[in-house]
PDB file of N, CA and C in Angstrom:
ATOM      1  N   MET A   1      17.580  -6.168  34.526  1.00  0.00           N
ATOM      2  CA  MET A   1      17.406  -5.432  33.291  1.00  0.00           C
ATOM      3  C   MET A   1      17.467  -6.363  32.077  1.00  0.00           C
ATOM      4  N   LYS A   2      18.325  -7.387  32.124  1.00  0.00           N
ATOM      5  CA  LYS A   2      18.468  -8.301  30.996  1.00  0.00           C
ATOM      6  C   LYS A   2      17.186  -9.089  30.742  1.00  0.00           C
ATOM      7  N   ALA A   3      16.425  -9.347  31.766  1.00  0.00           N
ATOM      8  CA  ALA A   3      15.173 -10.098  31.609  1.00  0.00           C
ATOM      9  C   ALA A   3      14.175  -9.328  30.758  1.00  0.00           C
ATOM     10  N   ASN A   4      14.248  -8.012  30.711  1.00  0.00           N
ATOM     11  CA  ASN A   4      13.323  -7.191  29.926  1.00  0.00           C
ATOM     12  C   ASN A   4      13.671  -7.156  28.441  1.00  0.00           C
ATOM     13  N   ILE A   5      14.898  -7.451  28.086  1.00  0.00           N
ATOM     14  CA  ILE A   5      15.315  -7.398  26.683  1.00  0.00           C
ATOM     15  C   ILE A   5      14.500  -8.352  25.814  1.00  0.00           C
ATOM     16  N   PRO A   6      14.287  -9.614  26.213  1.00  0.00           N
ATOM     17  CA  PRO A   6      13.448 -10.493  25.378  1.00  0.00           C
ATOM     18  C   PRO A   6      12.016  -9.973  25.246  1.00  0.00           C
ATOM     19  N   VAL A   7      11.477  -9.399  26.298  1.00  0.00           N
ATOM     20  CA  VAL A   7      10.108  -8.871  26.246  1.00  0.00           C
ATOM     21  C   VAL A   7      10.033  -7.725  25.245  1.00  0.00           C
ATOM     22  N   VAL A   8      11.001  -6.826  25.293  1.00  0.00           N
ATOM     23  CA  VAL A   8      11.037  -5.699  24.358  1.00  0.00           C
ATOM     24  C   VAL A   8      11.190  -6.206  22.931  1.00  0.00           C
ATOM     25  N   ALA A   9      12.041  -7.191  22.727  1.00  0.00           N
ATOM     26  CA  ALA A   9      12.241  -7.757  21.387  1.00  0.00           C
ATOM     27  C   ALA A   9      10.945  -8.368  20.864  1.00  0.00           C
ATOM     28  N   ILE A  10      10.241  -9.079  21.711  1.00  0.00           N
ATOM     29  CA  ILE A  10       8.968  -9.694  21.297  1.00  0.00           C
ATOM     30  C   ILE A  10       7.948  -8.615  20.944  1.00  0.00           C
ATOM     31  N   LEU A  11       7.867  -7.566  21.753  1.00  0.00           N
ATOM     32  CA  LEU A  11       6.933  -6.476  21.476  1.00  0.00           C
ATOM     33  C   LEU A  11       7.261  -5.783  20.155  1.00  0.00           C
ATOM     34  N   LEU A  12       8.537  -5.584  19.886  1.00  0.00           N
ATOM     35  CA  LEU A  12       8.939  -4.975  18.613  1.00  0.00           C
ATOM     36  C   LEU A  12       8.570  -5.868  17.430  1.00  0.00           C
ATOM     37  N   LEU A  13       8.766  -7.164  17.577  1.00  0.00           N
ATOM     38  CA  LEU A  13       8.394  -8.094  16.502  1.00  0.00           C
ATOM     39  C   LEU A  13       6.883  -8.099  16.280  1.00  0.00           C
ATOM     40  N   LEU A  14       6.112  -8.072  17.355  1.00  0.00           N
ATOM     41  CA  LEU A  14       4.649  -8.032  17.224  1.00  0.00           C
ATOM     42  C   LEU A  14       4.195  -6.740  16.543  1.00  0.00           C
ATOM     43  N   ALA A  15       4.802  -5.628  16.912  1.00  0.00           N
ATOM     44  CA  ALA A  15       4.446  -4.348  16.287  1.00  0.00           C
ATOM     45  C   ALA A  15       4.762  -4.385  14.793  1.00  0.00           C
ATOM     46  N   ALA A  16       5.911  -4.936  14.430  1.00  0.00           N
ATOM     47  CA  ALA A  16       6.272  -5.044  13.011  1.00  0.00           C
ATOM     48  C   ALA A  16       5.312  -5.962  12.273  1.00  0.00           C
ATOM     49  N   ALA A  17       4.906  -7.057  12.904  1.00  0.00           N
ATOM     50  CA  ALA A  17       3.963  -7.984  12.272  1.00  0.00           C
ATOM     51  C   ALA A  17       2.619  -7.304  12.040  1.00  0.00           C
ATOM     52  N   CYS A  18       2.167  -6.513  13.006  1.00  0.00           N
ATOM     53  CA  CYS A  18       0.891  -5.790  12.850  1.00  0.00           C
ATOM     54  C   CYS A  18       0.986  -4.788  11.710  1.00  0.00           C
ATOM     55  N   GLN A  19       2.114  -4.093  11.629  1.00  0.00           N
ATOM     56  CA  GLN A  19       2.298  -3.119  10.560  1.00  0.00           C
ATOM     57  C   GLN A  19       2.288  -3.813   9.201  1.00  0.00           C
ATOM     58  N   ASN A  20       2.953  -4.970   9.107  1.00  0.00           N
ATOM     59  CA  ASN A  20       2.958  -5.718   7.850  1.00  0.00           C
ATOM     60  C   ASN A  20       1.555  -6.197   7.500  1.00  0.00           C
ATOM     61  N   ALA A  21       0.792  -6.630   8.507  1.00  0.00           N
ATOM     62  CA  ALA A  21      -0.583  -7.066   8.258  1.00  0.00           C
ATOM     63  C   ALA A  21      -1.430  -5.890   7.774  1.00  0.00           C
ATOM     64  N   ASP A  22      -1.245  -4.706   8.375  1.00  0.00           N
ATOM     65  CA  ASP A  22      -1.984  -3.514   7.935  1.00  0.00           C
ATOM     66  C   ASP A  22      -1.650  -3.186   6.482  1.00  0.00           C
ATOM     67  N   ALA A  23      -0.372  -3.260   6.136  1.00  0.00           N
ATOM     68  CA  ALA A  23       0.050  -2.961   4.765  1.00  0.00           C
ATOM     69  C   ALA A  23      -0.522  -3.978   3.786  1.00  0.00           C
ATOM     70  N   THR A  24      -0.484  -5.245   4.160  1.00  0.00           N
ATOM     71  CA  THR A  24      -1.021  -6.293   3.288  1.00  0.00           C
ATOM     72  C   THR A  24      -2.519  -6.105   3.093  1.00  0.00           C
ATOM     73  N   ASN A  25      -3.230  -5.844   4.175  1.00  0.00           N
ATOM     74  CA  ASN A  25      -4.674  -5.636   4.099  1.00  0.00           C
ATOM     75  C   ASN A  25      -4.996  -4.403   3.248  1.00  0.00           C
ATOM     76  N   ALA A  26      -4.282  -3.314   3.462  1.00  0.00           N
ATOM     77  CA  ALA A  26      -4.523  -2.090   2.688  1.00  0.00           C
ATOM     78  C   ALA A  26      -4.275  -2.331   1.201  1.00  0.00           C
ATOM     79  N   ALA A  27      -3.234  -3.064   0.874  1.00  0.00           N
ATOM     80  CA  ALA A  27      -2.938  -3.362  -0.532  1.00  0.00           C
ATOM     81  C   ALA A  27      -4.045  -4.218  -1.148  1.00  0.00           C
ATOM     82  N   MET A  28      -4.535  -5.204  -0.405  1.00  0.00           N
ATOM     83  CA  MET A  28      -5.594  -6.075  -0.932  1.00  0.00           C
ATOM     84  C   MET A  28      -6.895  -5.305  -1.155  1.00  0.00           C
ATOM     85  N   VAL A  29      -7.235  -4.433  -0.218  1.00  0.00           N
ATOM     86  CA  VAL A  29      -8.502  -3.698  -0.291  1.00  0.00           C
ATOM     87  C   VAL A  29      -8.488  -2.634  -1.387  1.00  0.00           C
ATOM     88  N   THR A  30      -7.334  -2.008  -1.590  1.00  0.00           N
ATOM     89  CA  THR A  30      -7.265  -0.854  -2.504  1.00  0.00           C
ATOM     90  C   THR A  30      -6.682  -1.162  -3.875  1.00  0.00           C
ATOM     91  N   GLY A  31      -5.902  -2.234  -3.976  1.00  0.00           N
ATOM     92  CA  GLY A  31      -5.200  -2.519  -5.230  1.00  0.00           C
ATOM     93  C   GLY A  31      -3.959  -1.665  -5.406  1.00  0.00           C
ATOM     94  N   GLY A  32      -3.537  -0.988  -4.334  1.00  0.00           N
ATOM     95  CA  GLY A  32      -2.357  -0.125  -4.400  1.00  0.00           C
ATOM     96  C   GLY A  32      -1.237  -0.631  -3.511  1.00  0.00           C
ATOM     97  N   ASP A  33      -0.118   0.072  -3.554  1.00  0.00           N
ATOM     98  CA  ASP A  33       1.053  -0.259  -2.758  1.00  0.00           C
ATOM     99  C   ASP A  33       1.256   0.840  -1.716  1.00  0.00           C
ATOM    100  N   PRO A  34       1.072   0.537  -0.429  1.00  0.00           N
ATOM    101  CA  PRO A  34       1.175   1.565   0.596  1.00  0.00           C
ATOM    102  C   PRO A  34       2.546   2.240   0.670  1.00  0.00           C
ATOM    103  N   ASP A  35       3.619   1.494   0.438  1.00  0.00           N
ATOM    104  CA  ASP A  35       4.954   2.104   0.484  1.00  0.00           C
ATOM    105  C   ASP A  35       5.117   3.138  -0.624  1.00  0.00           C
ATOM    106  N   ARG A  36       4.687   2.772  -1.831  1.00  0.00           N
ATOM    107  CA  ARG A  36       4.743   3.744  -2.933  1.00  0.00           C
ATOM    108  C   ARG A  36       3.804   4.916  -2.648  1.00  0.00           C
ATOM    109  N   GLY A  37       2.655   4.617  -2.031  1.00  0.00           N
ATOM    110  CA  GLY A  37       1.700   5.665  -1.704  1.00  0.00           C
ATOM    111  C   GLY A  37       2.280   6.703  -0.766  1.00  0.00           C
ATOM    112  N   ARG A  38       2.991   6.245   0.272  1.00  0.00           N
ATOM    113  CA  ARG A  38       3.643   7.174   1.192  1.00  0.00           C
ATOM    114  C   ARG A  38       4.631   8.057   0.434  1.00  0.00           C
ATOM    115  N   ASP A  39       5.407   7.443  -0.469  1.00  0.00           N
ATOM    116  CA  ASP A  39       6.369   8.213  -1.263  1.00  0.00           C
ATOM    117  C   ASP A  39       5.661   9.215  -2.177  1.00  0.00           C
ATOM    118  N   GLU A  40       4.556   8.791  -2.788  1.00  0.00           N
ATOM    119  CA  GLU A  40       3.796   9.682  -3.677  1.00  0.00           C
ATOM    120  C   GLU A  40       3.197  10.861  -2.904  1.00  0.00           C
ATOM    121  N   LEU A  41       2.670  10.594  -1.712  1.00  0.00           N
ATOM    122  CA  LEU A  41       2.116  11.671  -0.895  1.00  0.00           C
ATOM    123  C   LEU A  41       3.190  12.718  -0.604  1.00  0.00           C
ATOM    124  N   ARG A  42       4.409  12.267  -0.359  1.00  0.00           N
ATOM    125  CA  ARG A  42       5.517  13.194  -0.112  1.00  0.00           C
ATOM    126  C   ARG A  42       5.911  13.911  -1.390  1.00  0.00           C
ATOM    127  N   GLN A  43       6.108  13.155  -2.480  1.00  0.00           N
ATOM    128  CA  GLN A  43       6.573  13.735  -3.741  1.00  0.00           C
ATOM    129  C   GLN A  43       5.571  14.708  -4.356  1.00  0.00           C
ATOM    130  N   LYS A  44       4.292  14.433  -4.205  1.00  0.00           N
ATOM    131  CA  LYS A  44       3.260  15.300  -4.791  1.00  0.00           C
ATOM    132  C   LYS A  44       2.996  16.535  -3.930  1.00  0.00           C
ATOM    133  N   GLY A  45       3.655  16.617  -2.773  1.00  0.00           N
ATOM    134  CA  GLY A  45       3.520  17.796  -1.937  1.00  0.00           C
ATOM    135  C   GLY A  45       2.257  17.852  -1.103  1.00  0.00           C
ATOM    136  N   CYS A  46       1.637  16.707  -0.864  1.00  0.00           N
ATOM    137  CA  CYS A  46       0.392  16.692  -0.086  1.00  0.00           C
ATOM    138  C   CYS A  46       0.601  17.247   1.321  1.00  0.00           C
ATOM    139  N   GLY A  47       1.815  17.098   1.826  1.00  0.00           N
ATOM    140  CA  GLY A  47       2.140  17.600   3.154  1.00  0.00           C
ATOM    141  C   GLY A  47       2.248  19.106   3.229  1.00  0.00           C
ATOM    142  N   SER A  48       2.161  19.803   2.091  1.00  0.00           N
ATOM    143  CA  SER A  48       2.152  21.259   2.148  1.00  0.00           C
ATOM    144  C   SER A  48       0.783  21.778   2.568  1.00  0.00           C
ATOM    145  N   CYS A  49      -0.224  20.911   2.554  1.00  0.00           N
ATOM    146  CA  CYS A  49      -1.570  21.275   3.016  1.00  0.00           C
ATOM    147  C   CYS A  49      -2.060  20.409   4.167  1.00  0.00           C
ATOM    148  N   HIS A  50      -1.602  19.157   4.231  1.00  0.00           N
ATOM    149  CA  HIS A  50      -2.116  18.200   5.217  1.00  0.00           C
ATOM    150  C   HIS A  50      -1.037  17.714   6.168  1.00  0.00           C
ATOM    151  N   THR A  51      -1.440  17.385   7.370  1.00  0.00           N
ATOM    152  CA  THR A  51      -0.603  16.602   8.272  1.00  0.00           C
ATOM    153  C   THR A  51      -0.901  15.144   7.963  1.00  0.00           C
ATOM    154  N   ILE A  52       0.162  14.383   7.645  1.00  0.00           N
ATOM    155  CA  ILE A  52      -0.015  12.972   7.284  1.00  0.00           C
ATOM    156  C   ILE A  52       0.981  12.154   8.102  1.00  0.00           C
ATOM    157  N   PRO A  53       0.498  11.376   9.061  1.00  0.00           N
ATOM    158  CA  PRO A  53       1.407  10.566   9.867  1.00  0.00           C
ATOM    159  C   PRO A  53       2.278   9.660   8.998  1.00  0.00           C
ATOM    160  N   GLY A  54       3.569   9.612   9.338  1.00  0.00           N
ATOM    161  CA  GLY A  54       4.498   8.739   8.629  1.00  0.00           C
ATOM    162  C   GLY A  54       5.069   9.318   7.355  1.00  0.00           C
ATOM    163  N   VAL A  55       4.625  10.499   6.941  1.00  0.00           N
ATOM    164  CA  VAL A  55       5.154  11.142   5.735  1.00  0.00           C
ATOM    165  C   VAL A  55       6.043  12.294   6.186  1.00  0.00           C
ATOM    166  N   PRO A  56       7.345  12.189   5.934  1.00  0.00           N
ATOM    167  CA  PRO A  56       8.271  13.227   6.383  1.00  0.00           C
ATOM    168  C   PRO A  56       7.867  14.620   5.883  1.00  0.00           C
ATOM    169  N   GLY A  57       7.850  15.575   6.790  1.00  0.00           N
ATOM    170  CA  GLY A  57       7.549  16.958   6.441  1.00  0.00           C
ATOM    171  C   GLY A  57       6.074  17.278   6.278  1.00  0.00           C
ATOM    172  N   ALA A  58       5.210  16.296   6.395  1.00  0.00           N
ATOM    173  CA  ALA A  58       3.772  16.526   6.191  1.00  0.00           C
ATOM    174  C   ALA A  58       3.133  16.937   7.514  1.00  0.00           C
ATOM    175  N   THR A  59       3.260  18.239   7.809  1.00  0.00           N
ATOM    176  CA  THR A  59       2.767  18.753   9.092  1.00  0.00           C
ATOM    177  C   THR A  59       1.912  20.008   8.915  1.00  0.00           C
ATOM    178  N   ALA A  60       1.422  20.255   7.725  1.00  0.00           N
ATOM    179  CA  ALA A  60       0.657  21.475   7.455  1.00  0.00           C
ATOM    180  C   ALA A  60      -0.782  21.354   7.946  1.00  0.00           C
ATOM    181  N   LEU A  61      -1.416  22.499   8.091  1.00  0.00           N
ATOM    182  CA  LEU A  61      -2.785  22.536   8.593  1.00  0.00           C
ATOM    183  C   LEU A  61      -3.721  23.328   7.685  1.00  0.00           C
ATOM    184  N   VAL A  62      -3.378  23.452   6.407  1.00  0.00           N
ATOM    185  CA  VAL A  62      -4.259  24.137   5.457  1.00  0.00           C
ATOM    186  C   VAL A  62      -5.506  23.293   5.226  1.00  0.00           C
ATOM    187  N   GLY A  63      -5.293  22.008   4.915  1.00  0.00           N
ATOM    188  CA  GLY A  63      -6.392  21.056   4.769  1.00  0.00           C
ATOM    189  C   GLY A  63      -6.486  20.228   6.030  1.00  0.00           C
ATOM    190  N   PRO A  64      -7.464  19.351   6.109  1.00  0.00           N
ATOM    191  CA  PRO A  64      -7.613  18.544   7.328  1.00  0.00           C
ATOM    192  C   PRO A  64      -6.454  17.573   7.508  1.00  0.00           C
ATOM    193  N   PRO A  65      -6.124  17.260   8.758  1.00  0.00           N
ATOM    194  CA  PRO A  65      -5.129  16.219   8.998  1.00  0.00           C
ATOM    195  C   PRO A  65      -5.679  14.875   8.521  1.00  0.00           C
ATOM    196  N   LEU A  66      -4.798  14.022   8.021  1.00  0.00           N
ATOM    197  CA  LEU A  66      -5.245  12.768   7.410  1.00  0.00           C
ATOM    198  C   LEU A  66      -5.040  11.543   8.287  1.00  0.00           C
ATOM    199  N   GLU A  67      -4.785  11.756   9.576  1.00  0.00           N
ATOM    200  CA  GLU A  67      -4.679  10.586  10.447  1.00  0.00           C
ATOM    201  C   GLU A  67      -6.043   9.899  10.549  1.00  0.00           C
ATOM    202  N   HIS A  68      -6.013   8.630  10.793  1.00  0.00           N
ATOM    203  CA  HIS A  68      -7.213   7.802  10.961  1.00  0.00           C
ATOM    204  C   HIS A  68      -8.110   7.771   9.714  1.00  0.00           C
ATOM    205  N   MET A  69      -7.554   7.971   8.536  1.00  0.00           N
ATOM    206  CA  MET A  69      -8.380   7.987   7.322  1.00  0.00           C
ATOM    207  C   MET A  69      -9.119   6.665   7.110  1.00  0.00           C
ATOM    208  N   ALA A  70      -8.503   5.559   7.456  1.00  0.00           N
ATOM    209  CA  ALA A  70      -9.162   4.262   7.250  1.00  0.00           C
ATOM    210  C   ALA A  70     -10.379   4.091   8.155  1.00  0.00           C
ATOM    211  N   SER A  71     -10.432   4.837   9.239  1.00  0.00           N
ATOM    212  CA  SER A  71     -11.530   4.703  10.203  1.00  0.00           C
ATOM    213  C   SER A  71     -12.649   5.719   9.987  1.00  0.00           C
ATOM    214  N   ARG A  72     -12.452   6.643   9.084  1.00  0.00           N
ATOM    215  CA  ARG A  72     -13.455   7.694   8.880  1.00  0.00           C
ATOM    216  C   ARG A  72     -14.620   7.191   8.030  1.00  0.00           C
ATOM    217  N   GLY A  73     -15.778   7.741   8.272  1.00  0.00           N
ATOM    218  CA  GLY A  73     -16.969   7.337   7.533  1.00  0.00           C
ATOM    219  C   GLY A  73     -17.067   7.963   6.161  1.00  0.00           C
ATOM    220  N   TYR A  74     -16.457   9.139   6.003  1.00  0.00           N
ATOM    221  CA  TYR A  74     -16.600   9.877   4.744  1.00  0.00           C
ATOM    222  C   TYR A  74     -15.273  10.424   4.266  1.00  0.00           C
ATOM    223  N   VAL A  75     -15.181  10.593   2.965  1.00  0.00           N
ATOM    224  CA  VAL A  75     -14.071  11.272   2.302  1.00  0.00           C
ATOM    225  C   VAL A  75     -14.646  12.591   1.792  1.00  0.00           C
ATOM    226  N   ALA A  76     -13.926  13.671   2.008  1.00  0.00           N
ATOM    227  CA  ALA A  76     -14.346  14.995   1.539  1.00  0.00           C
ATOM    228  C   ALA A  76     -15.684  15.429   2.130  1.00  0.00           C
ATOM    229  N   GLY A  77     -16.049  14.848   3.248  1.00  0.00           N
ATOM    230  CA  GLY A  77     -17.256  15.241   3.945  1.00  0.00           C
ATOM    231  C   GLY A  77     -18.560  14.744   3.363  1.00  0.00           C
ATOM    232  N   SER A  78     -18.510  14.076   2.196  1.00  0.00           N
ATOM    233  CA  SER A  78     -19.773  13.659   1.589  1.00  0.00           C
ATOM    234  C   SER A  78     -19.739  12.296   0.906  1.00  0.00           C
ATOM    235  N   LEU A  79     -18.564  11.793   0.569  1.00  0.00           N
ATOM    236  CA  LEU A  79     -18.468  10.491  -0.104  1.00  0.00           C
ATOM    237  C   LEU A  79     -18.257   9.387   0.933  1.00  0.00           C
ATOM    238  N   PRO A  80     -19.029   8.307   0.865  1.00  0.00           N
ATOM    239  CA  PRO A  80     -18.734   7.180   1.757  1.00  0.00           C
ATOM    240  C   PRO A  80     -17.273   6.756   1.575  1.00  0.00           C
ATOM    241  N   ASN A  81     -16.611   6.454   2.670  1.00  0.00           N
ATOM    242  CA  ASN A  81     -15.193   6.121   2.630  1.00  0.00           C
ATOM    243  C   ASN A  81     -14.987   4.711   2.097  1.00  0.00           C
ATOM    244  N   THR A  82     -14.844   4.621   0.776  1.00  0.00           N
ATOM    245  CA  THR A  82     -14.487   3.373   0.101  1.00  0.00           C
ATOM    246  C   THR A  82     -13.182   3.624  -0.643  1.00  0.00           C
ATOM    247  N   PRO A  83     -12.427   2.567  -0.950  1.00  0.00           N
ATOM    248  CA  PRO A  83     -11.201   2.772  -1.725  1.00  0.00           C
ATOM    249  C   PRO A  83     -11.472   3.479  -3.063  1.00  0.00           C
ATOM    250  N   GLU A  84     -12.568   3.127  -3.715  1.00  0.00           N
ATOM    251  CA  GLU A  84     -12.888   3.740  -5.013  1.00  0.00           C
ATOM    252  C   GLU A  84     -13.150   5.233  -4.854  1.00  0.00           C
ATOM    253  N   ASN A  85     -13.915   5.606  -3.832  1.00  0.00           N
ATOM    254  CA  ASN A  85     -14.216   7.024  -3.621  1.00  0.00           C
ATOM    255  C   ASN A  85     -12.982   7.821  -3.220  1.00  0.00           C
ATOM    256  N   MET A  86     -12.135   7.239  -2.383  1.00  0.00           N
ATOM    257  CA  MET A  86     -10.932   7.954  -1.984  1.00  0.00           C
ATOM    258  C   MET A  86     -10.008   8.143  -3.182  1.00  0.00           C
ATOM    259  N   THR A  87      -9.874   7.109  -4.000  1.00  0.00           N
ATOM    260  CA  THR A  87      -9.036   7.211  -5.199  1.00  0.00           C
ATOM    261  C   THR A  87      -9.584   8.290  -6.130  1.00  0.00           C
ATOM    262  N   LYS A  88     -10.891   8.305  -6.333  1.00  0.00           N
ATOM    263  CA  LYS A  88     -11.508   9.319  -7.196  1.00  0.00           C
ATOM    264  C   LYS A  88     -11.276  10.722  -6.631  1.00  0.00           C
ATOM    265  N   TRP A  89     -11.431  10.882  -5.327  1.00  0.00           N
ATOM    266  CA  TRP A  89     -11.223  12.187  -4.682  1.00  0.00           C
ATOM    267  C   TRP A  89      -9.780  12.653  -4.871  1.00  0.00           C
ATOM    268  N   ILE A  90      -8.822  11.757  -4.665  1.00  0.00           N
ATOM    269  CA  ILE A  90      -7.410  12.123  -4.820  1.00  0.00           C
ATOM    270  C   ILE A  90      -7.124  12.543  -6.258  1.00  0.00           C
ATOM    271  N   GLN A  91      -7.693  11.834  -7.215  1.00  0.00           N
ATOM    272  CA  GLN A  91      -7.463  12.144  -8.629  1.00  0.00           C
ATOM    273  C   GLN A  91      -8.196  13.388  -9.107  1.00  0.00           C
ATOM    274  N   HIS A  92      -9.441  13.522  -8.726  1.00  0.00           N
ATOM    275  CA  HIS A  92     -10.290  14.568  -9.312  1.00  0.00           C
ATOM    276  C   HIS A  92     -11.106  15.310  -8.256  1.00  0.00           C
ATOM    277  N   PRO A  93     -10.457  15.975  -7.303  1.00  0.00           N
ATOM    278  CA  PRO A  93     -11.224  16.623  -6.240  1.00  0.00           C
ATOM    279  C   PRO A  93     -12.175  17.713  -6.739  1.00  0.00           C
ATOM    280  N   GLN A  94     -11.819  18.397  -7.821  1.00  0.00           N
ATOM    281  CA  GLN A  94     -12.690  19.461  -8.327  1.00  0.00           C
ATOM    282  C   GLN A  94     -13.917  18.901  -9.046  1.00  0.00           C
ATOM    283  N   GLU A  95     -13.777  17.722  -9.610  1.00  0.00           N
ATOM    284  CA  GLU A  95     -14.917  17.056 -10.240  1.00  0.00           C
ATOM    285  C   GLU A  95     -15.897  16.548  -9.169  1.00  0.00           C
ATOM    286  N   VAL A  96     -15.331  16.013  -8.090  1.00  0.00           N
ATOM    287  CA  VAL A  96     -16.153  15.468  -7.013  1.00  0.00           C
ATOM    288  C   VAL A  96     -16.866  16.577  -6.243  1.00  0.00           C
ATOM    289  N   LYS A  97     -16.137  17.646  -5.948  1.00  0.00           N
ATOM    290  CA  LYS A  97     -16.682  18.738  -5.136  1.00  0.00           C
ATOM    291  C   LYS A  97     -16.156  20.056  -5.710  1.00  0.00           C
ATOM    292  N   PRO A  98     -16.843  20.613  -6.716  1.00  0.00           N
ATOM    293  CA  PRO A  98     -16.356  21.834  -7.372  1.00  0.00           C
ATOM    294  C   PRO A  98     -16.098  22.974  -6.380  1.00  0.00           C
ATOM    295  N   HIS A  99     -15.063  23.730  -6.684  1.00  0.00           N
ATOM    296  CA  HIS A  99     -14.679  24.942  -5.939  1.00  0.00           C
ATOM    297  C   HIS A  99     -14.154  24.670  -4.535  1.00  0.00           C
ATOM    298  N   ASN A 100     -13.764  23.420  -4.249  1.00  0.00           N
ATOM    299  CA  ASN A 100     -13.144  23.167  -2.952  1.00  0.00           C
ATOM    300  C   ASN A 100     -11.673  23.579  -3.020  1.00  0.00           C
ATOM    301  N   ALA A 101     -10.983  23.591  -1.904  1.00  0.00           N
ATOM    302  CA  ALA A 101      -9.605  24.082  -1.845  1.00  0.00           C
ATOM    303  C   ALA A 101      -8.569  23.092  -2.373  1.00  0.00           C
ATOM    304  N   MET A 102      -8.937  21.826  -2.548  1.00  0.00           N
ATOM    305  CA  MET A 102      -7.954  20.834  -3.005  1.00  0.00           C
ATOM    306  C   MET A 102      -7.835  20.889  -4.524  1.00  0.00           C
ATOM    307  N   PRO A 103      -6.613  21.106  -5.024  1.00  0.00           N
ATOM    308  CA  PRO A 103      -6.437  21.239  -6.474  1.00  0.00           C
ATOM    309  C   PRO A 103      -6.328  19.891  -7.180  1.00  0.00           C
ATOM    310  N   ASP A 104      -6.718  19.889  -8.459  1.00  0.00           N
ATOM    311  CA  ASP A 104      -6.410  18.761  -9.330  1.00  0.00           C
ATOM    312  C   ASP A 104      -4.952  18.940  -9.750  1.00  0.00           C
ATOM    313  N   VAL A 105      -4.114  17.953  -9.462  1.00  0.00           N
ATOM    314  CA  VAL A 105      -2.690  18.086  -9.791  1.00  0.00           C
ATOM    315  C   VAL A 105      -2.212  17.021 -10.763  1.00  0.00           C
ATOM    316  N   GLY A 106      -3.143  16.337 -11.425  1.00  0.00           N
ATOM    317  CA  GLY A 106      -2.751  15.374 -12.451  1.00  0.00           C
ATOM    318  C   GLY A 106      -2.237  14.055 -11.905  1.00  0.00           C
ATOM    319  N   ILE A 107      -2.829  13.571 -10.847  1.00  0.00           N
ATOM    320  CA  ILE A 107      -2.399  12.300 -10.261  1.00  0.00           C
ATOM    321  C   ILE A 107      -3.004  11.149 -11.066  1.00  0.00           C
ATOM    322  N   THR A 108      -2.161  10.198 -11.433  1.00  0.00           N
ATOM    323  CA  THR A 108      -2.627   9.046 -12.205  1.00  0.00           C
ATOM    324  C   THR A 108      -3.460   8.129 -11.318  1.00  0.00           C
ATOM    325  N   GLU A 109      -4.229   7.259 -11.952  1.00  0.00           N
ATOM    326  CA  GLU A 109      -5.034   6.300 -11.189  1.00  0.00           C
ATOM    327  C   GLU A 109      -4.144   5.381 -10.358  1.00  0.00           C
ATOM    328  N   ALA A 110      -3.036   4.927 -10.941  1.00  0.00           N
ATOM    329  CA  ALA A 110      -2.130   4.034 -10.208  1.00  0.00           C
ATOM    330  C   ALA A 110      -1.558   4.735  -8.980  1.00  0.00           C
ATOM    331  N   ASP A 111      -1.126   5.980  -9.142  1.00  0.00           N
ATOM    332  CA  ASP A 111      -0.592   6.726  -7.998  1.00  0.00           C
ATOM    333  C   ASP A 111      -1.682   6.975  -6.959  1.00  0.00           C
ATOM    334  N   ALA A 112      -2.888   7.288  -7.399  1.00  0.00           N
ATOM    335  CA  ALA A 112      -3.992   7.523  -6.464  1.00  0.00           C
ATOM    336  C   ALA A 112      -4.328   6.251  -5.689  1.00  0.00           C
ATOM    337  N   LYS A 113      -4.270   5.093  -6.334  1.00  0.00           N
ATOM    338  CA  LYS A 113      -4.512   3.832  -5.629  1.00  0.00           C
ATOM    339  C   LYS A 113      -3.423   3.577  -4.590  1.00  0.00           C
ATOM    340  N   ASP A 114      -2.172   3.889  -4.944  1.00  0.00           N
ATOM    341  CA  ASP A 114      -1.078   3.726  -3.985  1.00  0.00           C
ATOM    342  C   ASP A 114      -1.266   4.668  -2.794  1.00  0.00           C
ATOM    343  N   MET A 115      -1.637   5.913  -3.066  1.00  0.00           N
ATOM    344  CA  MET A 115      -1.871   6.880  -1.993  1.00  0.00           C
ATOM    345  C   MET A 115      -3.030   6.420  -1.101  1.00  0.00           C
ATOM    346  N   THR A 116      -4.078   5.915  -1.725  1.00  0.00           N
ATOM    347  CA  THR A 116      -5.210   5.388  -0.978  1.00  0.00           C
ATOM    348  C   THR A 116      -4.771   4.215  -0.110  1.00  0.00           C
ATOM    349  N   ALA A 117      -3.928   3.349  -0.648  1.00  0.00           N
ATOM    350  CA  ALA A 117      -3.436   2.203   0.128  1.00  0.00           C
ATOM    351  C   ALA A 117      -2.703   2.690   1.376  1.00  0.00           C
ATOM    352  N   TYR A 118      -1.859   3.701   1.240  1.00  0.00           N
ATOM    353  CA  TYR A 118      -1.166   4.217   2.410  1.00  0.00           C
ATOM    354  C   TYR A 118      -2.163   4.811   3.413  1.00  0.00           C
ATOM    355  N   LEU A 119      -3.089   5.628   2.919  1.00  0.00           N
ATOM    356  CA  LEU A 119      -4.073   6.252   3.816  1.00  0.00           C
ATOM    357  C   LEU A 119      -4.950   5.210   4.495  1.00  0.00           C
ATOM    358  N   TYR A 120      -5.176   4.078   3.835  1.00  0.00           N
ATOM    359  CA  TYR A 120      -5.969   3.011   4.443  1.00  0.00           C
ATOM    360  C   TYR A 120      -5.207   2.248   5.520  1.00  0.00           C
ATOM    361  N   MET A 121      -3.937   2.529   5.681  1.00  0.00           N
ATOM    362  CA  MET A 121      -3.176   1.973   6.797  1.00  0.00           C
ATOM    363  C   MET A 121      -3.339   2.826   8.059  1.00  0.00           C
ATOM    364  N   LEU A 122      -3.836   4.040   7.887  1.00  0.00           N
ATOM    365  CA  LEU A 122      -3.935   4.974   9.019  1.00  0.00           C
ATOM    366  C   LEU A 122      -5.265   4.766   9.730  1.00  0.00           C
ATOM    367  N   ARG A 123      -5.236   3.964  10.776  1.00  0.00           N
ATOM    368  CA  ARG A 123      -6.448   3.622  11.545  1.00  0.00           C
ATOM    369  C   ARG A 123      -6.567   4.459  12.776  1.00  0.00           C
TER     370      ARG A 123
END
């Protein structure tokens, strides 16, 4: 059993390194901070409509689940999935797609970039 402990430790370190690389890459691509983004998604109540992996309490099914957002081709079903488009959608969903179910809640550009950075970690 003791021989497996180093293997488990190495696997945990590799997983942490991959997570750090994902966060660094997401921050570079979006100009946001993924850690702050996760906090903003929770504080703004996004989990009352969406399931968002890694965000405590975000298990709702009113809107689409947000897992794998970085791998999706489109945001809101019609915008190419770019950091700029995702940030715009988060900030102004009614401007992008009038009469959709997602409300404009007054999210700042900085907060939207942080939220986008977190969502861009979800592959």
